[in-house]
């Protein structure tokens, strides 16, 4: 393990969040655990395994490459995996061979995938996307009926489901309701197909947009812009680093690149081994805080590639090697992903997914056995 900078992920928190989502949806509605972008920085294989143990039955990824990383593990070889972004033409063959569900935005796109499947003497699994107001992928709902009908007749294509994506589920109830109504008006013609529209915020939006499956993304990782909702979730991830050097610095000294912070009084400063190369945002320069022995300590000067400097004047006798919390709880204080994102003028999604590859991932309280990730095995205990 990299003992300089790491994240700790707790399986119990992941399982709690899946159970909370299960309690909010009707019986029989499936849960897709969205584990794209390395499970939002939490680790795709362990999170996917733990989500399945907790009750999810589908997995969502961004692309074929991510799907193939999961398919290498024996326990994921038969789990339905959906590539939620559009496929590139060169990815069609891999998707068909690996039985990755493709999301098509038109009959023409589905036809191209189907041709590859026919050539391989296989069948392509396809979900058709209806654009109800996101304007990113899909066929406009006004024209989707004809396109779906064409797709259903294509050789080599197994049309399994219909889907859409909510644009404002966390902020605009009326817009969300209109999206669901637009989707339902089209999907009603194909009652046998699996329908999935609700993302994390959509699950708790008050609009009954569940269909036969919901897609659990950011809430799986304990995050929500809604404070009341966040209080019900549990954050699986804590981000930590360590002190390398502690120095007493006299007044009028400038700190870090650009001399953007100058001491008015003497301060005790600690250098920490984390920087923007680890995903710690540079925008936290002179505005972020960390937790040292449960006390909030402000960042002084600019965040650099591998190190930051914090004021530990209020924490007596800080020593080299001490553990510091960047994101998470220590003592009576907590720095949430939403707080860190607010300081960095972004969203929690970017904080999570930005945590770099040299930051070790350490797992605890996991019921799914994932130590065979490199050997192609995974089992539940």
Protein backbone atom coordinates (compact mmCIF):
# COMPACT_ATOMS: atom_id res chain seq x y z
CA UNK A 1 0.00 0.00 0.00
CA UNK A 2 1.06 3.56 -0.67
CA UNK A 3 1.47 4.78 2.91
CA UNK A 4 1.68 8.41 1.84
CA UNK A 5 -1.83 8.94 0.48
CA UNK A 6 -4.76 6.52 0.40
CA UNK A 7 -8.51 6.12 0.55
CA UNK A 8 -10.38 3.70 2.79
CA UNK A 9 -13.65 2.25 1.48
CA UNK A 10 -16.08 0.54 3.84
CA UNK A 11 -18.29 -2.19 2.47
CA UNK A 12 -20.90 -1.72 5.18
CA UNK A 13 -21.63 1.80 3.94
CA UNK A 14 -22.05 0.58 0.37
CA UNK A 15 -24.45 -2.14 1.46
CA UNK A 16 -26.42 0.32 3.58
CA UNK A 17 -26.88 2.63 0.59
CA UNK A 18 -28.07 -0.20 -1.65
CA UNK A 19 -30.56 -1.26 1.03
CA UNK A 20 -31.80 2.33 1.38
CA UNK A 21 -32.39 2.49 -2.37
CA UNK A 22 -34.17 -0.87 -2.24
CA UNK A 23 -36.49 0.46 0.48
CA UNK A 24 -37.47 3.41 -1.72
CA UNK A 25 -38.55 1.44 -4.80
CA UNK A 26 -41.38 -1.02 -5.40
CA UNK A 27 -40.80 -4.72 -4.89
CA UNK A 28 -39.61 -6.39 -8.07
CA UNK A 29 -37.86 -3.32 -9.46
CA UNK A 30 -34.23 -4.14 -10.22
CA UNK A 31 -31.23 -2.05 -9.16
CA UNK A 32 -28.39 -1.28 -11.54
CA UNK A 33 -25.22 -0.35 -9.66
CA UNK A 34 -23.44 2.26 -11.76
CA UNK A 35 -19.72 1.53 -11.44
CA UNK A 36 -18.39 3.59 -14.33
CA UNK A 37 -15.20 5.64 -13.92
CA UNK A 38 -13.74 3.01 -11.59
CA UNK A 39 -16.90 3.15 -9.49
CA UNK A 40 -16.62 6.93 -9.16
CA UNK A 41 -13.05 6.47 -7.95
CA UNK A 42 -13.97 3.83 -5.35
CA UNK A 43 -12.75 0.78 -7.30
CA UNK A 44 -14.97 -0.92 -9.87
CA UNK A 45 -14.38 -4.57 -9.01
CA UNK A 46 -14.85 -4.39 -5.22
CA UNK A 47 -17.78 -1.99 -5.44
CA UNK A 48 -19.51 -4.01 -8.14
CA UNK A 49 -19.09 -7.19 -6.11
CA UNK A 50 -20.33 -5.59 -2.90
CA UNK A 51 -23.31 -4.06 -4.70
CA UNK A 52 -24.35 -7.45 -6.02
CA UNK A 53 -24.07 -8.94 -2.54
CA UNK A 54 -26.32 -6.11 -1.26
CA UNK A 55 -29.03 -6.71 -3.83
CA UNK A 56 -28.13 -5.05 -7.13
CA UNK A 57 -28.53 -7.34 -10.13
CA UNK A 58 -27.25 -5.20 -13.03
CA UNK A 59 -24.07 -3.18 -13.51
CA UNK A 60 -23.67 0.05 -15.46
CA UNK A 61 -20.41 1.24 -17.00
CA UNK A 62 -19.47 4.03 -19.38
CA UNK A 63 -17.95 2.00 -22.19
CA UNK A 64 -16.82 -1.37 -23.50
CA UNK A 65 -13.35 -1.06 -21.98
CA UNK A 66 -14.83 -0.76 -18.49
CA UNK A 67 -17.21 -3.65 -19.19
CA UNK A 68 -14.36 -5.90 -20.30
CA UNK A 69 -12.43 -5.19 -17.10
CA UNK A 70 -15.38 -6.63 -15.19
CA UNK A 71 -15.95 -9.51 -17.59
CA UNK A 72 -12.42 -10.75 -16.80
CA UNK A 73 -13.67 -11.66 -13.33
CA UNK A 74 -15.53 -14.97 -13.26
CA UNK A 75 -18.27 -13.70 -10.96
CA UNK A 76 -19.18 -10.95 -13.43
CA UNK A 77 -19.28 -13.07 -16.59
CA UNK A 78 -23.03 -13.64 -16.48
CA UNK A 79 -24.10 -10.40 -14.75
CA UNK A 80 -25.94 -8.05 -17.15
CA UNK A 81 -23.65 -5.09 -17.89
CA UNK A 82 -24.86 -2.00 -19.76
CA UNK A 83 -22.50 0.39 -21.55
CA UNK A 84 -24.38 3.60 -20.83
CA UNK A 85 -22.51 5.77 -23.36
CA UNK A 86 -22.75 5.33 -27.12
CA UNK A 87 -20.41 2.76 -28.63
CA UNK A 88 -17.84 3.56 -31.29
CA UNK A 89 -18.04 1.40 -34.45
CA UNK A 90 -14.79 -0.37 -33.59
CA UNK A 91 -16.30 -1.41 -30.26
CA UNK A 92 -19.32 -3.23 -31.70
CA UNK A 93 -17.59 -6.60 -32.07
CA UNK A 94 -16.24 -6.59 -28.52
CA UNK A 95 -19.65 -5.61 -27.15
CA UNK A 96 -21.32 -8.48 -29.00
CA UNK A 97 -18.69 -11.05 -28.01
CA UNK A 98 -18.75 -9.96 -24.36
CA UNK A 99 -22.54 -9.73 -24.22
CA UNK A 100 -22.38 -6.07 -23.19
CA UNK A 101 -25.74 -4.35 -23.54
CA UNK A 102 -25.44 -1.47 -26.02
CA UNK A 103 -27.53 1.69 -25.77
CA UNK A 104 -28.71 2.76 -29.23
CA UNK A 105 -30.10 6.17 -30.16
CA UNK A 106 -31.50 5.21 -33.56
CA UNK A 107 -32.48 2.25 -35.69
CA UNK A 108 -29.48 2.97 -37.91
CA UNK A 109 -27.12 2.66 -34.97
CA UNK A 110 -28.78 -0.57 -33.85
CA UNK A 111 -28.65 -1.89 -37.44
CA UNK A 112 -24.87 -1.36 -37.56
CA UNK A 113 -24.43 -3.27 -34.31
CA UNK A 114 -26.76 -6.00 -35.57
CA UNK A 115 -24.74 -6.48 -38.76
CA UNK A 116 -21.67 -7.22 -36.67
CA UNK A 117 -23.66 -9.67 -34.57
CA UNK A 118 -24.98 -11.48 -37.67
CA UNK A 119 -21.43 -11.79 -39.03
CA UNK A 120 -20.38 -13.33 -35.72
CA UNK A 121 -23.46 -15.59 -35.71
CA UNK A 122 -24.49 -14.03 -32.43
CA UNK A 123 -27.09 -11.62 -31.13
CA UNK A 124 -26.50 -8.06 -29.93
CA UNK A 125 -28.26 -7.03 -26.73
CA UNK A 126 -29.65 -3.51 -27.16
CA UNK A 127 -31.54 -0.96 -25.07
CA UNK A 128 -33.06 1.89 -27.05
CA UNK A 129 -32.64 5.37 -25.61
CA UNK A 130 -35.47 7.91 -25.81
CA UNK A 131 -34.47 11.56 -25.47
CA UNK A 132 -37.01 13.27 -23.24
CA UNK A 133 -35.09 16.45 -22.53
CA UNK A 134 -31.42 15.72 -21.81
CA UNK A 135 -30.32 16.31 -25.43
CA UNK A 136 -27.21 14.18 -25.07
CA UNK A 137 -28.08 10.72 -26.41
CA UNK A 138 -31.24 9.10 -27.71
CA UNK A 139 -33.98 9.67 -30.25
CA UNK A 140 -36.41 12.53 -29.63
CA UNK A 141 -39.49 11.07 -28.02
CA UNK A 142 -41.73 12.54 -30.72
CA UNK A 143 -40.01 10.29 -33.30
CA UNK A 144 -38.91 7.39 -31.11
CA UNK A 145 -41.90 5.13 -31.74
CA UNK A 146 -41.08 4.47 -35.39
CA UNK A 147 -37.38 4.04 -34.63
CA UNK A 148 -38.09 1.52 -31.88
CA UNK A 149 -40.41 -0.43 -34.17
CA UNK A 150 -37.67 -0.61 -36.81
CA UNK A 151 -35.10 -1.65 -34.21
CA UNK A 152 -37.30 -4.48 -32.94
CA UNK A 153 -37.35 -6.05 -36.43
CA UNK A 154 -33.60 -5.91 -37.09
CA UNK A 155 -31.70 -9.15 -37.64
CA UNK A 156 -29.00 -9.81 -35.07
CA UNK A 157 -30.56 -7.41 -32.56
CA UNK A 158 -32.25 -8.47 -29.34
CA UNK A 159 -34.13 -5.39 -28.17
CA UNK A 160 -34.35 -5.84 -24.41
CA UNK A 161 -35.18 -2.45 -22.99
CA UNK A 162 -36.07 1.21 -23.29
CA UNK A 163 -34.36 3.96 -21.30
CA UNK A 164 -34.03 7.69 -20.85
CA UNK A 165 -32.08 10.04 -18.59
CA UNK A 166 -33.37 12.66 -16.17
CA UNK A 167 -31.76 16.08 -16.47
CA UNK A 168 -33.05 17.89 -13.36
CA UNK A 169 -34.24 15.24 -10.92
CA UNK A 170 -32.53 17.01 -8.03
CA UNK A 171 -33.90 20.47 -8.80
CA UNK A 172 -37.03 20.57 -10.98
CA UNK A 173 -39.92 18.27 -10.09
CA UNK A 174 -42.08 19.57 -12.94
CA UNK A 175 -39.41 18.97 -15.59
CA UNK A 176 -38.79 15.47 -14.23
CA UNK A 177 -42.50 14.67 -14.37
CA UNK A 178 -42.71 15.90 -17.97
CA UNK A 179 -39.74 13.73 -18.91
CA UNK A 180 -41.34 10.67 -17.34
CA UNK A 181 -44.66 11.35 -19.04
CA UNK A 182 -42.94 11.76 -22.42
CA UNK A 183 -41.06 8.51 -21.94
CA UNK A 184 -44.14 6.62 -20.78
CA UNK A 185 -46.19 7.80 -23.76
CA UNK A 186 -43.71 6.04 -26.05
CA UNK A 187 -42.83 3.02 -23.90
CA UNK A 188 -46.48 2.05 -23.42
CA UNK A 189 -46.41 0.44 -26.90
CA UNK A 190 -43.81 -2.11 -25.72
CA UNK A 191 -44.93 -3.33 -22.28
CA UNK A 192 -42.69 -6.41 -22.44
CA UNK A 193 -39.48 -4.37 -22.61
CA UNK A 194 -37.45 -3.45 -19.53
CA UNK A 195 -37.78 0.27 -18.73
CA UNK A 196 -35.21 2.27 -16.80
CA UNK A 197 -35.18 6.04 -16.33
CA UNK A 198 -34.56 6.92 -12.68
CA UNK A 199 -31.04 7.86 -11.66
CA UNK A 200 -30.04 8.38 -8.01
CA UNK A 201 -31.86 11.66 -7.54
CA UNK A 202 -34.78 10.38 -9.61
CA UNK A 203 -35.32 7.51 -7.19
CA UNK A 204 -36.13 9.99 -4.42
CA UNK A 205 -37.61 12.77 -6.60
CA UNK A 206 -41.22 12.02 -5.75
CA UNK A 207 -41.93 11.21 -9.40
CA UNK A 208 -42.79 7.49 -9.73
CA UNK A 209 -40.35 6.97 -12.61
CA UNK A 210 -39.09 3.55 -11.53
CA UNK A 211 -40.02 1.39 -14.50
CA UNK A 212 -38.61 -2.12 -14.05
CA UNK A 213 -35.14 -0.91 -13.03
CA UNK A 214 -33.41 2.10 -11.45
CA UNK A 215 -29.81 3.20 -11.93
CA UNK A 216 -28.04 3.88 -8.63
CA UNK A 217 -25.06 6.16 -9.18
CA UNK A 218 -23.86 8.92 -6.86
CA UNK A 219 -26.08 7.86 -3.94
CA UNK A 220 -24.38 4.48 -3.93
CA UNK A 221 -21.31 6.45 -2.86
CA UNK A 222 -23.10 8.30 -0.07
CA UNK A 223 -23.40 11.65 -1.81
CA UNK A 224 -26.37 13.91 -2.51
CA UNK A 225 -26.93 17.63 -2.83
CA UNK A 226 -30.00 17.19 -0.61
CA UNK A 227 -28.89 17.46 3.03
CA UNK A 228 -31.80 15.40 4.34
CA UNK A 229 -31.06 12.67 1.84
CA UNK A 230 -27.34 12.78 2.61
CA UNK A 231 -28.09 12.31 6.30
CA UNK A 232 -29.73 8.97 5.46
CA UNK A 233 -26.80 7.78 3.34
CA UNK A 234 -23.40 6.61 4.52
CA UNK A 235 -20.18 7.75 2.87
CA UNK A 236 -18.02 4.69 2.13
CA UNK A 237 -14.87 6.67 1.35
CA UNK A 238 -12.36 8.43 3.60
CA UNK A 239 -9.31 10.06 2.01
CA UNK A 240 -6.16 10.29 4.10
CA UNK A 241 -2.56 11.43 3.85
CA UNK A 242 0.37 11.96 6.22
CA UNK A 243 2.54 14.72 7.59
CA UNK A 244 6.09 14.74 6.26
CA UNK A 245 7.64 17.90 7.76
CA UNK A 246 6.59 20.31 10.54
CA UNK A 247 8.23 23.73 10.85
CA UNK A 248 7.74 26.93 12.79
CA UNK A 249 7.71 29.69 10.20
CA UNK A 250 8.26 33.33 11.17
CA UNK A 251 6.01 36.24 10.21
CA UNK A 252 6.31 37.85 6.79
CA UNK A 253 7.44 34.63 5.09
CA UNK A 254 5.66 33.75 1.82
CA UNK A 255 4.22 30.26 1.33
CA UNK A 256 4.37 28.02 -1.75
CA UNK A 257 4.39 28.87 -5.46
CA UNK A 258 3.49 32.41 -6.45
CA UNK A 259 3.86 33.62 -2.85
CA UNK A 260 0.06 33.87 -2.67
CA UNK A 261 0.01 33.61 1.12
CA UNK A 262 2.23 35.66 3.44
CA UNK A 263 2.28 35.08 7.19
CA UNK A 264 1.18 38.02 9.34
CA UNK A 265 2.24 36.18 12.49
CA UNK A 266 4.45 33.13 13.13
CA UNK A 267 2.70 29.84 12.39
CA UNK A 268 3.45 26.16 12.72
CA UNK A 269 3.10 24.68 9.26
CA UNK A 270 2.91 21.03 8.26
CA UNK A 271 3.71 19.71 4.81
CA UNK A 272 1.44 16.88 3.65
CA UNK A 273 2.17 14.35 0.91
CA UNK A 274 -0.81 14.96 -1.36
CA UNK A 275 -1.24 17.27 -4.33
CA UNK A 276 -3.11 17.81 -7.54
CA UNK A 277 -1.35 14.78 -9.11
CA UNK A 278 -3.32 12.74 -6.58
CA UNK A 279 -6.55 14.50 -7.52
CA UNK A 280 -6.54 17.04 -4.71
CA UNK A 281 -7.93 20.12 -6.49
CA UNK A 282 -5.61 23.07 -7.03
CA UNK A 283 -8.60 25.36 -6.46
CA UNK A 284 -8.35 24.46 -2.77
CA UNK A 285 -5.27 26.68 -2.57
CA UNK A 286 -5.72 29.11 0.36
CA UNK A 287 -9.34 28.01 0.85
CA UNK A 288 -9.48 24.32 1.74
CA UNK A 289 -9.15 22.64 5.13
CA UNK A 290 -7.96 19.26 6.42
CA UNK A 291 -8.44 17.45 9.72
CA UNK A 292 -5.47 16.92 12.02
CA UNK A 293 -6.33 15.10 15.25
CA UNK A 294 -9.95 16.05 14.64
CA UNK A 295 -9.22 19.77 14.28
CA UNK A 296 -9.71 21.84 11.17
CA UNK A 297 -6.47 23.17 9.71
CA UNK A 298 -6.39 25.62 6.81
CA UNK A 299 -4.34 25.22 3.64
CA UNK A 300 -1.68 27.89 3.27
CA UNK A 301 -0.51 28.81 -0.19
CA UNK A 302 -1.03 26.95 -3.40
CA UNK A 303 -1.70 23.25 -3.73
CA UNK A 304 1.27 21.82 -5.62
CA UNK A 305 1.66 18.63 -7.64
CA UNK A 306 2.69 16.38 -4.75
CA UNK A 307 2.38 18.42 -1.55
CA UNK A 308 0.28 20.91 0.34
CA UNK A 309 1.03 23.06 3.38
CA UNK A 310 -1.41 23.49 6.25
CA UNK A 311 -1.49 25.58 9.42
CA UNK A 312 -1.28 23.30 12.48
CA UNK A 313 -0.65 26.09 14.98
CA UNK A 314 -3.73 25.05 16.95
CA UNK A 315 -2.68 21.42 17.22
CA UNK A 316 0.14 20.86 19.71
CA UNK A 317 3.19 18.76 18.93
CA UNK A 318 2.26 17.53 15.46
CA UNK A 319 4.87 15.03 14.29
CA UNK A 320 6.08 13.65 10.99
CA UNK A 321 4.11 10.54 10.01
CA UNK A 322 0.80 11.59 11.57
CA UNK A 323 -2.35 10.72 9.64
CA UNK A 324 -4.43 13.58 8.24
CA UNK A 325 -7.98 13.34 6.88
CA UNK A 326 -8.64 15.14 3.59
CA UNK A 327 -12.19 13.87 3.08
CA UNK A 328 -14.16 12.14 5.80
CA UNK A 329 -14.61 12.25 9.55
CA UNK A 330 -12.05 12.57 12.31
CA UNK A 331 -13.06 13.31 15.87
CA UNK A 332 -16.09 15.58 15.99
CA UNK A 333 -15.48 17.15 12.58
CA UNK A 334 -16.18 15.97 9.06
CA UNK A 335 -15.25 17.19 5.61
CA UNK A 336 -17.84 15.83 3.19
CA UNK A 337 -17.42 15.40 -0.55
CA UNK A 338 -19.98 18.17 -1.00
CA UNK A 339 -17.96 20.53 1.22
CA UNK A 340 -14.74 19.75 -0.62
CA UNK A 341 -16.55 20.26 -3.92
CA UNK A 342 -17.96 23.60 -2.81
CA UNK A 343 -14.50 24.87 -1.90
CA UNK A 344 -13.20 23.65 -5.26
CA UNK A 345 -16.16 25.12 -7.19
CA UNK A 346 -17.23 21.75 -8.56
CA UNK A 347 -19.43 18.76 -7.65
CA UNK A 348 -18.82 15.64 -5.59
CA UNK A 349 -18.73 13.49 -8.75
CA UNK A 350 -15.57 15.26 -9.89
CA UNK A 351 -13.96 15.00 -6.46
CA UNK A 352 -14.49 11.23 -6.36
CA UNK A 353 -13.53 10.48 -9.95
CA UNK A 354 -10.51 12.77 -9.78
CA UNK A 355 -8.77 10.77 -7.04
CA UNK A 356 -5.64 9.58 -8.81
CA UNK A 357 -4.29 6.13 -9.55
CA UNK A 358 -1.32 6.50 -7.22
CA UNK A 359 -3.71 6.90 -4.28
CA UNK A 360 -4.08 3.41 -2.79
CA UNK A 361 -7.55 1.94 -2.25
CA UNK A 362 -7.95 0.04 1.02
CA UNK A 363 -11.13 -1.97 1.68
CA UNK A 364 -12.73 -3.05 4.93
CA UNK A 365 -15.95 -4.80 6.03
CA UNK A 366 -16.45 -6.30 2.57
CA UNK A 367 -18.72 -9.32 2.28
CA UNK A 368 -17.70 -9.96 -1.33
CA UNK A 369 -14.38 -11.72 -1.87
CA UNK A 370 -12.47 -9.75 -4.50
CA UNK A 371 -8.91 -10.88 -3.93
CA UNK A 372 -9.09 -12.84 -7.17
CA UNK A 373 -9.43 -9.73 -9.34
CA UNK A 374 -6.15 -10.46 -11.02
CA UNK A 375 -6.82 -14.21 -11.23
CA UNK A 376 -10.38 -14.05 -12.54
CA UNK A 377 -12.42 -15.07 -9.53
CA UNK A 378 -14.86 -13.49 -7.15
CA UNK A 379 -17.07 -15.08 -4.53
CA UNK A 380 -19.33 -14.10 -1.66
CA UNK A 381 -18.53 -15.01 1.93
